[in-house]
Amino acid sequence: MEKILLVDDNPLRASMRKSLLEGSAPDVVRALDASEALCLVESPEFAQGLALVITGHAMKGISGPEFVAEFRSRMPAVPVLVLSAVPNAEQEYQGIPDVLVSQTTSPDELRSLARGLVVSRQKRTA
């Protein structure tokens, strides 16, 4: 089953994004922070079918770039969408493959980006 992992420590924002994304994948799972997300992907049952990770750039504890690099070392084929209002945040992800940094606040654009990344991954693994 295709699933999206949403890493977000803000309950209200996470709930809204989860609702928006549920049309992009059958299953949207929220992790409260990077540590929980990394624990989830260690489970083969969870990792199987993971189509996309969506995370923020500024997180408590581990930074967005640190999380993405660690995630990438575990799951190199799964795309990552980083949501950030920080100008030029994409520079901090240079050298990490398959990462898209977006400053979108539009629900429709978030849904479209997620759907496009999920479909792109499906095509690569088919």
Protein backbone atom coordinates (compact mmCIF):
# COMPACT_ATOMS: atom_id res chain seq x y z
CA MET A 1 0.00 0.00 0.00
CA GLU A 2 1.34 3.43 -0.97
CA LYS A 3 1.80 5.70 2.03
CA ILE A 4 3.05 9.16 2.87
CA LEU A 5 5.00 9.86 6.05
CA LEU A 6 4.22 13.35 7.37
CA VAL A 7 6.75 14.60 9.93
CA ASP A 8 5.24 17.53 11.81
CA ASP A 9 5.37 18.52 15.48
CA ASN A 10 2.47 21.00 15.20
CA PRO A 11 -0.82 19.12 15.86
CA LEU A 12 -3.11 21.61 14.11
CA ARG A 13 -0.94 21.99 11.02
CA ALA A 14 -0.33 18.23 10.88
CA SER A 15 -4.05 17.48 11.05
CA MET A 16 -4.79 19.94 8.25
CA ARG A 17 -1.99 18.61 6.04
CA LYS A 18 -2.98 15.00 6.72
CA SER A 19 -6.54 15.74 5.60
CA LEU A 20 -5.28 17.50 2.45
CA LEU A 21 -2.93 14.66 1.54
CA GLU A 22 -5.27 11.74 2.03
CA GLY A 23 -6.28 11.92 -1.63
CA SER A 24 -2.63 11.62 -2.74
CA ALA A 25 -2.02 8.24 -1.09
CA PRO A 26 -4.28 5.68 0.58
CA ASP A 27 -2.44 6.06 3.88
CA VAL A 28 -0.94 9.20 5.47
CA VAL A 29 0.97 8.53 8.69
CA ARG A 30 2.08 11.34 10.97
CA ALA A 31 5.28 11.25 12.99
CA LEU A 32 5.64 13.78 15.79
CA ASP A 33 9.33 14.38 15.10
CA ALA A 34 12.37 13.16 13.18
CA SER A 35 13.24 10.52 15.78
CA GLU A 36 9.82 8.92 15.53
CA ALA A 37 9.97 9.05 11.73
CA LEU A 38 13.34 7.29 11.68
CA CYS A 39 12.04 4.63 14.07
CA LEU A 40 9.05 4.03 11.80
CA VAL A 41 11.16 3.49 8.69
CA GLU A 42 13.26 0.91 10.54
CA SER A 43 10.22 -1.37 10.47
CA PRO A 44 10.17 -3.33 7.19
CA GLU A 45 6.37 -3.50 7.36
CA PHE A 46 6.15 0.28 7.54
CA ALA A 47 8.93 0.99 5.04
CA GLN A 48 7.35 -1.23 2.40
CA GLY A 49 5.08 0.93 0.28
CA LEU A 50 6.43 4.24 1.59
CA ALA A 51 6.04 6.56 -1.39
CA LEU A 52 6.92 9.98 0.04
CA VAL A 53 8.16 11.78 3.14
CA ILE A 54 6.99 15.33 3.85
CA THR A 55 8.82 17.25 6.52
CA GLY A 56 9.61 20.76 7.62
CA HIS A 57 12.97 22.46 7.39
CA ALA A 58 12.95 23.87 10.92
CA MET A 59 12.22 21.16 13.46
CA LYS A 60 12.84 20.72 17.16
CA GLY A 61 15.90 18.65 17.92
CA ILE A 62 17.42 17.34 14.70
CA SER A 63 17.39 19.84 11.80
CA GLY A 64 15.59 19.23 8.53
CA PRO A 65 18.82 18.66 6.56
CA GLU A 66 20.15 16.27 9.22
CA PHE A 67 16.89 14.32 9.22
CA VAL A 68 16.74 14.14 5.42
CA ALA A 69 20.37 12.96 5.18
CA GLU A 70 19.76 10.27 7.80
CA PHE A 71 16.50 9.21 6.17
CA ARG A 72 18.18 9.11 2.76
CA SER A 73 20.89 6.78 4.10
CA ARG A 74 18.14 4.34 5.12
CA MET A 75 15.74 4.74 2.20
CA PRO A 76 17.55 6.13 -0.85
CA ALA A 77 14.67 5.66 -3.32
CA VAL A 78 11.89 7.49 -1.48
CA PRO A 79 11.43 11.16 -2.43
CA VAL A 80 11.36 13.84 0.25
CA LEU A 81 9.36 17.06 0.15
CA VAL A 82 10.64 19.72 2.54
CA LEU A 83 8.26 22.57 3.37
CA SER A 84 10.04 25.74 4.40
CA ALA A 85 9.40 29.45 4.61
CA VAL A 86 13.15 30.03 4.99
CA PRO A 87 14.63 31.75 1.93
CA ASN A 88 17.27 29.66 0.13
CA ALA A 89 16.66 26.61 2.35
CA GLU A 90 17.23 24.38 -0.68
CA GLN A 91 20.95 25.18 -0.47
CA GLU A 92 21.16 23.16 2.75
CA TYR A 93 19.96 20.05 0.90
CA GLN A 94 22.45 20.19 -1.95
CA GLY A 95 24.14 16.86 -2.40
CA ILE A 96 21.17 14.94 -1.00
CA PRO A 97 19.39 13.28 -3.93
CA ASP A 98 15.65 13.30 -4.59
CA VAL A 99 14.74 16.22 -2.29
CA LEU A 100 12.32 18.95 -3.28
CA VAL A 101 12.20 22.09 -1.13
CA SER A 102 9.04 24.16 -1.46
CA GLN A 103 7.83 27.37 0.14
CA THR A 104 4.21 26.65 -0.73
CA THR A 105 1.43 27.51 1.68
CA SER A 106 -1.27 26.66 -0.85
CA PRO A 107 -3.28 23.52 -0.04
CA ASP A 108 -3.82 22.82 -3.75
CA GLU A 109 -0.12 23.19 -4.54
CA LEU A 110 0.86 20.92 -1.62
CA ARG A 111 -1.61 18.28 -2.83
CA SER A 112 -0.32 18.60 -6.39
CA LEU A 113 3.35 18.36 -5.37
CA ALA A 114 2.67 15.30 -3.22
CA ARG A 115 0.65 13.57 -5.92
CA GLY A 116 3.35 14.29 -8.52
CA LEU A 117 6.13 12.89 -6.32
CA VAL A 118 4.11 9.75 -5.50
CA VAL A 119 3.34 9.15 -9.19
CA SER A 120 6.98 9.77 -10.13
CA ARG A 121 8.12 7.15 -7.61
CA GLN A 122 5.52 4.67 -8.87
CA LYS A 123 6.86 5.05 -12.41
CA ARG A 124 10.45 4.47 -11.28
CA THR A 125 9.60 1.32 -9.33
CA ALA A 126 7.26 -0.16 -11.94
